[in-house]
Protein backbone atom coordinates (compact mmCIF):
# COMPACT_ATOMS: atom_id res chain seq x y z
CA MET A 1 29.19 24.49 7.03
CA THR A 2 31.26 27.54 5.78
CA ARG A 3 30.21 30.00 3.79
CA MET A 4 32.35 28.81 0.88
CA GLN A 5 30.83 25.22 1.40
CA GLN A 6 27.16 26.10 1.66
CA LYS A 7 27.78 28.27 -1.59
CA LYS A 8 29.30 24.98 -3.34
CA HIS A 9 26.54 23.22 -2.31
CA ASP A 10 24.20 25.48 -2.93
CA ARG A 11 25.31 25.50 -6.70
CA GLN A 12 25.21 21.49 -6.95
CA GLN A 13 21.67 21.86 -5.71
CA GLN A 14 21.17 24.36 -8.71
CA ILE A 15 22.89 21.76 -11.37
CA ALA A 16 21.13 19.11 -10.06
CA HIS A 17 17.61 20.59 -10.47
CA ILE A 18 18.67 22.16 -14.17
CA ALA A 19 20.17 18.47 -15.41
CA TRP A 20 17.03 16.53 -13.85
CA GLN A 21 14.63 18.97 -15.70
CA LEU A 22 16.83 18.61 -18.87
CA PHE A 23 16.96 14.85 -18.85
CA THR A 24 13.28 14.35 -17.87
CA GLU A 25 12.13 16.88 -20.48
CA HIS A 26 14.46 15.42 -23.62
CA GLY A 27 15.65 11.90 -22.53
CA TYR A 28 18.94 11.09 -21.18
CA GLU A 29 20.56 10.48 -24.86
CA LYS A 30 19.42 14.05 -26.22
CA VAL A 31 20.91 16.21 -23.33
CA THR A 32 24.36 17.49 -23.30
CA THR A 33 26.60 18.60 -20.58
CA ARG A 34 26.87 21.99 -22.60
CA GLN A 35 23.34 22.24 -22.91
CA VAL A 36 23.22 21.65 -18.58
CA SER A 37 25.93 24.33 -18.48
CA GLU A 38 24.37 27.05 -20.39
CA ALA A 39 20.81 26.61 -18.37
CA ALA A 40 23.18 27.04 -15.21
CA ASP A 41 24.56 29.75 -16.87
CA ILE A 42 27.94 28.27 -15.74
CA ALA A 43 31.13 27.33 -18.00
CA THR A 44 31.61 23.78 -18.86
CA GLY A 45 34.54 23.41 -17.11
CA THR A 46 32.50 24.68 -14.27
CA LEU A 47 30.16 21.79 -14.39
CA PHE A 48 33.15 19.42 -14.68
CA LEU A 49 34.14 20.55 -11.32
CA TYR A 50 30.94 19.11 -9.89
CA ALA A 51 30.40 16.21 -12.22
CA GLU A 52 33.00 14.84 -14.89
CA ASN A 53 31.15 13.63 -17.31
CA LYS A 54 27.54 13.18 -18.35
CA GLY A 55 27.40 10.29 -16.60
CA ALA A 56 28.21 11.48 -13.45
CA LEU A 57 25.90 14.45 -13.87
CA LEU A 58 22.42 11.74 -14.55
CA VAL A 59 24.11 10.71 -10.96
CA LEU A 60 23.97 13.80 -9.14
CA ALA A 61 20.91 14.45 -10.73
CA PHE A 62 19.10 11.11 -9.73
CA GLU A 63 20.16 11.21 -6.75
CA ASP A 64 18.62 14.40 -5.83
CA ALA A 65 15.43 13.28 -6.69
CA LEU A 66 16.23 9.69 -4.62
CA ARG A 67 16.59 11.69 -2.00
CA THR A 68 13.54 13.34 -1.93
CA ALA A 69 11.60 10.32 -3.10
CA SER A 70 13.26 8.28 -0.37
CA THR A 71 11.55 10.50 2.69
CA PRO A 72 8.59 9.72 3.91
CA HIS A 73 6.02 12.80 3.55
CA ALA A 74 3.88 11.34 6.61
CA SER A 75 4.62 9.32 9.62
CA LEU A 76 5.49 5.51 8.84
CA PRO A 77 3.01 2.14 9.72
CA GLU A 78 3.30 1.10 13.00
CA HIS A 79 3.88 -2.19 11.51
CA PRO A 80 7.79 -2.45 10.45
CA LEU A 81 6.92 -5.01 7.45
CA GLU A 82 4.72 -1.86 6.15
CA ALA A 83 7.04 0.54 7.17
CA LEU A 84 9.81 -1.02 5.31
CA LEU A 85 7.41 -1.03 2.00
CA VAL A 86 6.65 3.04 2.59
CA LEU A 87 10.16 3.54 2.79
CA PHE A 88 11.07 1.73 -0.36
CA GLY A 89 7.64 2.62 -2.06
CA GLY A 90 8.81 6.37 -2.69
CA PRO A 91 12.26 5.27 -4.77
CA LEU A 92 10.00 2.42 -6.66
CA HIS A 93 7.56 5.14 -7.80
CA LEU A 94 10.61 7.87 -9.22
CA TYR A 95 11.90 4.55 -10.67
CA ALA A 96 8.55 3.72 -12.69
CA LYS A 97 7.75 7.54 -13.72
CA HIS A 98 11.64 7.60 -14.82
CA ARG A 99 12.21 4.31 -16.42
CA THR A 100 14.32 5.07 -19.00
CA LEU A 101 16.59 7.32 -17.07
CA ALA A 102 16.77 5.05 -14.14
CA ARG A 103 17.99 1.95 -16.68
CA HIS A 104 21.25 4.33 -17.80
CA PHE A 105 21.44 5.73 -13.66
CA LEU A 106 21.50 2.60 -12.48
CA VAL A 107 24.60 1.34 -15.06
CA GLU A 108 26.24 4.76 -14.30
CA VAL A 109 25.91 3.97 -10.50
CA LEU A 110 27.64 0.62 -11.15
CA ARG A 111 30.28 1.79 -13.67
CA ASN A 112 31.32 4.23 -10.57
CA PRO A 113 30.06 2.80 -6.91
CA SER A 114 32.15 5.02 -4.81
CA SER A 115 30.18 8.28 -5.84
CA ASP A 116 30.11 10.51 -2.91
CA VAL A 117 26.95 11.41 -3.78
CA THR A 118 25.01 8.41 -4.05
CA THR A 119 27.08 7.21 -0.89
CA SER A 120 25.79 10.12 1.34
CA ASN A 121 21.98 8.83 -0.02
CA LEU A 122 22.80 5.06 0.57
CA MET A 123 23.67 5.79 4.25
CA GLY A 124 20.90 8.41 4.90
CA PHE A 125 18.66 5.55 3.70
CA LEU A 126 20.34 2.90 5.48
CA GLU A 127 19.83 4.52 8.60
CA ARG A 128 15.82 4.87 7.82
CA ILE A 129 16.33 1.30 7.29
CA GLU A 130 18.32 0.53 10.48
CA GLY A 131 15.58 3.03 12.35
CA VAL A 132 12.85 1.05 11.43
CA LEU A 133 14.20 -2.34 12.18
CA ALA A 134 15.55 -0.92 15.71
CA LEU A 135 12.10 0.29 17.17
CA ALA A 136 10.58 -3.40 15.94
CA GLN A 137 13.63 -5.10 18.15
CA GLN A 138 12.29 -2.35 21.25
CA GLN A 139 8.77 -3.22 20.52
CA LYS A 140 10.12 -7.08 20.50
CA ARG A 141 8.80 -7.92 17.13
CA LEU A 142 12.16 -8.55 15.89
CA ASP A 143 14.86 -11.24 17.08
CA PRO A 144 16.94 -8.98 20.00
CA GLN A 145 19.72 -10.76 18.17
CA VAL A 146 19.57 -9.17 14.57
CA ASN A 147 22.22 -7.06 13.91
CA VAL A 148 19.82 -4.12 12.58
CA ARG A 149 22.79 -2.68 10.23
CA GLN A 150 23.50 -6.18 8.56
CA ALA A 151 19.45 -6.32 8.33
CA ALA A 152 18.92 -3.00 6.50
CA GLN A 153 22.05 -4.34 4.36
CA ASN A 154 20.14 -7.08 3.31
CA LEU A 155 17.08 -5.68 3.21
CA PHE A 156 18.84 -2.94 0.40
CA GLY A 157 20.03 -6.05 -1.47
CA ILE A 158 17.19 -7.73 -1.96
CA TYR A 159 14.98 -4.31 -3.03
CA LEU A 160 18.23 -3.92 -5.16
CA MET A 161 17.88 -7.27 -6.70
CA VAL A 162 14.33 -6.66 -7.66
CA ILE A 163 14.97 -3.56 -9.19
CA MET A 164 17.41 -4.77 -11.34
CA GLN A 165 14.91 -7.55 -12.59
CA TRP A 166 12.05 -5.66 -13.11
CA LEU A 167 13.76 -2.70 -15.08
CA PRO A 168 14.46 -4.25 -18.27
CA THR A 169 10.86 -5.38 -18.66
CA ASP A 170 8.01 -3.99 -19.38
CA GLN A 171 6.20 -5.17 -15.85
CA ASP A 172 3.98 -2.40 -14.16
CA LEU A 173 4.59 -0.70 -10.90
CA GLU A 174 2.38 -2.97 -9.14
CA ARG A 175 3.80 -5.84 -10.20
CA VAL A 176 7.20 -4.97 -9.00
CA GLN A 177 5.91 -4.20 -5.62
CA HIS A 178 4.02 -7.16 -5.40
CA THR A 179 7.48 -8.88 -6.18
CA LEU A 180 8.93 -6.89 -3.51
CA ARG A 181 6.54 -7.17 -0.64
CA GLN A 182 7.17 -11.45 -1.27
CA ALA A 183 10.94 -11.12 -1.18
CA PHE A 184 10.58 -8.81 2.15
CA GLU A 185 7.74 -10.86 3.91
CA LEU A 186 9.95 -14.02 3.27
CA GLN A 187 12.95 -12.42 4.85
CA TRP A 188 10.61 -10.79 7.49
CA LYS A 189 9.89 -14.24 8.84
CA GLY A 190 13.76 -14.88 9.44
CA LEU A 191 14.15 -11.36 11.24
CA GLN A 192 11.17 -12.00 13.92
CA PRO A 193 11.92 -13.70 17.27
CA CYS A 194 11.52 -17.74 17.80
CA GLU A 195 8.69 -18.39 19.51
CA SER A 196 9.91 -20.92 22.83
């Protein structure tokens, strides 16, 4: 990374952190791009170089928080299904803690699914899922014919469906964790090697 790229990256991180702080303190509806630019000590026009509108700013801030939440702080459990549930658990906790913001975030992501930061985060997260599945294949816990990239995408799709059904409701975190576990257990049965 060049010095210029590093400077731009650092500024983007600063803006994401400040926006996150304002959104979590005051709520999405009450925060303006002007407030974020003033708190970041930059011109509003400069802010728009990093996020073209308030929705993009929320995506930038939430994706930064998601990147942290989706990185395990300890080693993953040995059993692949449990490891997957830990991987997905971090983002679930973040969504539960900031549920209203999470609803706005998903709307913005669906409006603009090609955001660079969203794509980068998604690719990193899918690689971690693939790592769990590849290890399971090496341990002969996963059918050797399974394409781990496709399986990772399937698991993420299940997770996304569960999140989208959960966020508009008043169900608690424990309930959605149970739902996700059931859905993953069903998927896992189809990924295991056939007994001969």
